[in-house]
Amino acid sequence: MVFLLQDQNLLFTGALVLMFMIALLEGVMTLIGIGISDLLDNLLPDFEVDVPDTGLSGGLTKLLGWLRFGEVPALILLVTFLVSFGATGLIIQMLLESIFGFLLPGGLLALGVIFLALPQVRFVGNILRRFAIGDESEAVGRDSFIGRIAIITIGKAEAGSPAEARFSDEYGTTHYVMVEPDTSETFNQGEKVLLVEELGAHFHVTRPTSQHLMENN
């Protein structure tokens, strides 16, 4: 406990504590019957990338896609990052203390630990993504998502600023995708969108105009 509460380790210990708090909240949420998306909306801020179209927003979108953000529930990726960040940082500090007898400043070490944690998030995301698409007999390709009606769950979808959306396929499997409009339209949390085009890690969407289509998705 003394090791965990040393100043140099507080960032990593805090990440693990936050992970346990999220797990506790999820358990309480399950007991009282609140949907996971509601909890996500309260825990996580809107994912908006308010930068000019200089390639930076595209790079961030590629990074989120590489991490399987939008294909795996965001809460799972967040918890995975917290565990990876906290455990990796504490293990490195433990080795440094046992071998060299000192601890690195937490802020300085955190920069390197982030880069070590991200591949771990991708690894877990790749594994969970296989379960997210169901059994092989029920697997669906991303190209079949075109024409689906999804609901914005996290963020505000604007041109150049993707948000997370959720929908269920004909097998009852829930899919999470990153979406953005290719026009000046804006879609807020809770709004329905129509997936019209796949663009790498995300989809272009528009506002559904057919009531019949909305009722059958």
Protein backbone atom coordinates (compact mmCIF):
# COMPACT_ATOMS: atom_id res chain seq x y z
CA MET A 1 0.00 0.00 0.00
CA VAL A 2 2.88 2.36 0.78
CA PHE A 3 4.32 1.68 -2.68
CA LEU A 4 0.96 2.35 -4.39
CA LEU A 5 0.47 5.66 -2.58
CA GLN A 6 3.89 7.12 -3.24
CA ASP A 7 3.71 10.39 -5.16
CA GLN A 8 5.48 8.93 -8.19
CA ASN A 9 2.85 6.17 -8.45
CA LEU A 10 -0.36 8.12 -7.88
CA LEU A 11 -1.14 8.48 -11.60
CA PHE A 12 -1.02 4.73 -12.12
CA THR A 13 -2.77 3.85 -8.88
CA GLY A 14 -5.46 6.42 -9.71
CA ALA A 15 -6.05 4.80 -13.10
CA LEU A 16 -6.71 1.44 -11.42
CA VAL A 17 -8.98 3.04 -8.80
CA LEU A 18 -10.96 4.75 -11.57
CA MET A 19 -11.30 1.41 -13.34
CA PHE A 20 -12.74 -0.19 -10.18
CA MET A 21 -15.14 2.73 -9.75
CA ILE A 22 -16.41 2.30 -13.32
CA ALA A 23 -16.85 -1.45 -12.73
CA LEU A 24 -18.81 -0.72 -9.55
CA LEU A 25 -21.04 1.78 -11.33
CA GLU A 26 -21.68 -0.69 -14.13
CA GLY A 27 -22.72 -3.31 -11.56
CA VAL A 28 -25.12 -0.88 -9.90
CA MET A 29 -26.44 0.14 -13.32
CA THR A 30 -27.17 -3.50 -14.17
CA LEU A 31 -29.08 -3.99 -10.91
CA ILE A 32 -31.32 -0.97 -11.45
CA GLY A 33 -31.81 -1.67 -15.16
CA ILE A 34 -30.22 1.40 -16.73
CA GLY A 35 -28.80 0.95 -20.24
CA ILE A 36 -25.02 1.00 -20.65
CA SER A 37 -25.25 3.83 -23.17
CA ASP A 38 -26.86 6.07 -20.55
CA LEU A 39 -23.94 5.45 -18.23
CA LEU A 40 -21.45 6.08 -21.01
CA ASP A 41 -23.09 9.39 -21.85
CA ASN A 42 -22.70 10.48 -18.23
CA LEU A 43 -19.14 9.21 -17.73
CA LEU A 44 -17.50 10.24 -20.98
CA PRO A 45 -17.37 13.67 -22.60
CA ASP A 46 -18.40 14.33 -26.16
CA PHE A 47 -15.71 13.23 -28.60
CA GLU A 48 -15.32 16.31 -30.75
CA VAL A 49 -12.29 17.12 -32.82
CA ASP A 50 -12.47 20.88 -33.27
CA VAL A 51 -9.47 21.32 -35.53
CA PRO A 52 -9.11 22.62 -39.09
CA ASP A 53 -9.08 20.13 -41.93
CA THR A 54 -5.28 19.85 -41.96
CA GLY A 55 -5.00 16.07 -41.62
CA LEU A 56 -4.90 16.12 -37.80
CA SER A 57 -8.54 15.10 -37.46
CA GLY A 58 -8.00 12.38 -40.05
CA GLY A 59 -5.01 11.12 -38.08
CA LEU A 60 -7.09 10.99 -34.90
CA THR A 61 -9.82 9.09 -36.73
CA LYS A 62 -7.25 6.57 -37.95
CA LEU A 63 -5.90 6.17 -34.41
CA LEU A 64 -9.39 5.55 -33.03
CA GLY A 65 -10.03 3.04 -35.80
CA TRP A 66 -6.70 1.32 -35.06
CA LEU A 67 -7.79 0.99 -31.44
CA ARG A 68 -11.10 -0.55 -32.63
CA PHE A 69 -13.00 2.43 -31.27
CA GLY A 70 -16.47 2.21 -32.80
CA GLU A 71 -16.23 -1.56 -33.30
CA VAL A 72 -15.96 -2.37 -29.59
CA PRO A 73 -17.96 -0.52 -26.89
CA ALA A 74 -16.10 2.57 -25.75
CA LEU A 75 -16.45 1.68 -22.07
CA ILE A 76 -14.57 -1.59 -22.61
CA LEU A 77 -11.74 0.21 -24.40
CA LEU A 78 -11.60 2.84 -21.65
CA VAL A 79 -11.39 0.19 -18.92
CA THR A 80 -8.74 -1.69 -20.90
CA PHE A 81 -6.66 1.48 -21.23
CA LEU A 82 -6.95 2.25 -17.52
CA VAL A 83 -5.87 -1.27 -16.56
CA SER A 84 -3.02 -1.29 -19.08
CA PHE A 85 -1.82 2.19 -18.12
CA GLY A 86 -2.01 1.59 -14.37
CA ALA A 87 -0.55 -1.92 -14.32
CA THR A 88 2.24 -1.14 -16.79
CA GLY A 89 3.30 1.97 -14.92
CA LEU A 90 3.35 0.22 -11.54
CA ILE A 91 5.29 -2.76 -12.90
CA ILE A 92 7.94 -0.46 -14.40
CA GLN A 93 8.22 1.49 -11.14
CA MET A 94 8.48 -1.74 -9.16
CA LEU A 95 11.32 -2.98 -11.36
CA LEU A 96 13.14 0.35 -11.13
CA GLU A 97 12.88 0.39 -7.35
CA SER A 98 14.00 -3.22 -6.94
CA ILE A 99 16.93 -2.94 -9.39
CA PHE A 100 18.10 0.67 -9.10
CA GLY A 101 16.52 1.76 -5.84
CA PHE A 102 14.59 4.77 -7.14
CA LEU A 103 11.28 5.72 -8.77
CA LEU A 104 10.82 7.93 -11.83
CA PRO A 105 8.50 10.98 -11.61
CA GLY A 106 5.00 9.81 -12.49
CA GLY A 107 4.36 12.53 -15.08
CA LEU A 108 7.56 11.77 -16.94
CA LEU A 109 7.01 8.00 -16.95
CA ALA A 110 3.35 8.39 -17.94
CA LEU A 111 4.30 9.62 -21.42
CA GLY A 112 6.09 6.38 -22.21
CA VAL A 113 3.47 4.23 -20.49
CA ILE A 114 0.74 5.65 -22.72
CA PHE A 115 2.56 4.38 -25.81
CA LEU A 116 2.97 0.97 -24.15
CA ALA A 117 -0.71 0.86 -23.16
CA LEU A 118 -2.20 1.68 -26.59
CA PRO A 119 -1.04 -1.57 -28.29
CA GLN A 120 -2.55 -3.48 -25.37
CA VAL A 121 -5.87 -1.73 -25.97
CA ARG A 122 -5.72 -2.68 -29.65
CA PHE A 123 -4.90 -6.30 -28.75
CA VAL A 124 -7.94 -6.56 -26.47
CA GLY A 125 -10.06 -4.70 -29.03
CA ASN A 126 -9.13 -7.20 -31.73
CA ILE A 127 -10.12 -10.10 -29.50
CA LEU A 128 -13.43 -8.57 -28.41
CA ARG A 129 -14.24 -7.47 -31.97
CA ARG A 130 -14.45 -11.14 -32.96
CA PHE A 131 -17.13 -11.69 -30.34
CA ALA A 132 -18.89 -8.46 -31.29
CA ILE A 133 -19.63 -9.75 -34.79
CA GLY A 134 -21.04 -13.03 -33.47
CA ASP A 135 -20.34 -16.60 -34.53
CA GLU A 136 -18.82 -17.25 -37.93
CA SER A 137 -22.18 -18.47 -39.23
CA GLU A 138 -23.71 -15.14 -38.26
CA ALA A 139 -20.80 -12.86 -39.13
CA VAL A 140 -21.61 -9.83 -41.26
CA GLY A 141 -19.29 -7.65 -43.27
CA ARG A 142 -19.01 -3.92 -42.72
CA ASP A 143 -20.25 -3.32 -46.24
CA SER A 144 -23.59 -4.79 -45.15
CA PHE A 145 -23.95 -1.94 -42.64
CA ILE A 146 -24.90 0.42 -45.47
CA GLY A 147 -28.58 1.26 -45.21
CA ARG A 148 -28.77 0.59 -41.47
CA ILE A 149 -30.33 3.02 -39.03
CA ALA A 150 -28.06 3.73 -36.05
CA ILE A 151 -28.42 5.85 -32.92
CA ILE A 152 -25.73 8.32 -31.85
CA THR A 153 -24.50 7.16 -28.43
CA ILE A 154 -21.40 9.25 -27.71
CA GLY A 155 -20.44 12.63 -29.06
CA LYS A 156 -21.85 15.00 -31.65
CA ALA A 157 -21.38 13.97 -35.28
CA GLU A 158 -20.21 16.80 -37.52
CA ALA A 159 -18.24 16.91 -40.75
CA GLY A 160 -14.66 16.08 -39.76
CA SER A 161 -15.71 15.15 -36.21
CA PRO A 162 -16.98 11.54 -35.94
CA ALA A 163 -19.20 10.29 -33.12
CA GLU A 164 -20.02 6.78 -31.93
CA ALA A 165 -23.29 5.18 -33.04
CA ARG A 166 -24.94 1.85 -32.27
CA PHE A 167 -27.29 -0.49 -34.14
CA SER A 168 -28.28 -4.16 -34.12
CA ASP A 169 -28.15 -6.47 -37.15
CA GLU A 170 -30.59 -9.20 -38.15
CA TYR A 171 -28.92 -11.63 -35.74
CA GLY A 172 -29.43 -9.33 -32.78
CA THR A 173 -25.72 -8.52 -32.58
CA THR A 174 -24.98 -4.96 -31.50
CA HIS A 175 -22.42 -3.05 -33.55
CA TYR A 176 -20.63 0.18 -32.66
CA VAL A 177 -19.38 2.37 -35.51
CA MET A 178 -17.88 5.82 -35.91
CA VAL A 179 -20.04 8.09 -38.05
CA GLU A 180 -19.94 11.60 -39.46
CA PRO A 181 -22.07 13.51 -41.99
CA ASP A 182 -20.54 14.61 -45.28
CA THR A 183 -22.65 17.77 -45.23
CA SER A 184 -23.14 20.64 -42.81
CA GLU A 185 -25.67 18.60 -40.83
CA THR A 186 -25.08 17.93 -37.14
CA PHE A 187 -26.34 14.90 -35.21
CA ASN A 188 -26.51 14.89 -31.41
CA GLN A 189 -26.67 12.02 -28.93
CA GLY A 190 -29.91 10.06 -29.22
CA GLU A 191 -30.59 11.02 -32.84
CA LYS A 192 -31.06 8.40 -35.55
CA VAL A 193 -28.84 8.39 -38.65
CA LEU A 194 -28.74 6.41 -41.89
CA LEU A 195 -25.39 4.80 -42.83
CA VAL A 196 -24.78 5.59 -46.50
CA GLU A 197 -21.04 5.08 -47.19
CA GLU A 198 -18.07 3.32 -45.59
CA LEU A 199 -14.90 5.37 -45.38
CA GLY A 200 -12.22 3.26 -43.71
CA ALA A 201 -12.68 3.44 -39.95
CA HIS A 202 -15.96 5.38 -40.08
CA PHE A 203 -19.17 5.82 -42.08
CA HIS A 204 -20.83 8.77 -43.73
CA VAL A 205 -24.38 9.22 -42.52
CA THR A 206 -27.41 11.28 -43.37
CA ARG A 207 -30.76 11.97 -41.76
CA PRO A 208 -33.26 9.14 -42.49
CA THR A 209 -36.31 10.45 -44.30
CA SER A 210 -38.39 7.26 -44.65
CA GLN A 211 -40.55 6.39 -41.66
CA HIS A 212 -40.91 2.86 -43.03
CA LEU A 213 -37.13 2.45 -43.09
CA MET A 214 -36.83 3.67 -39.51
CA GLU A 215 -39.50 1.25 -38.30
CA ASN A 216 -37.77 -1.73 -39.97
CA ASN A 217 -34.27 -1.10 -38.58
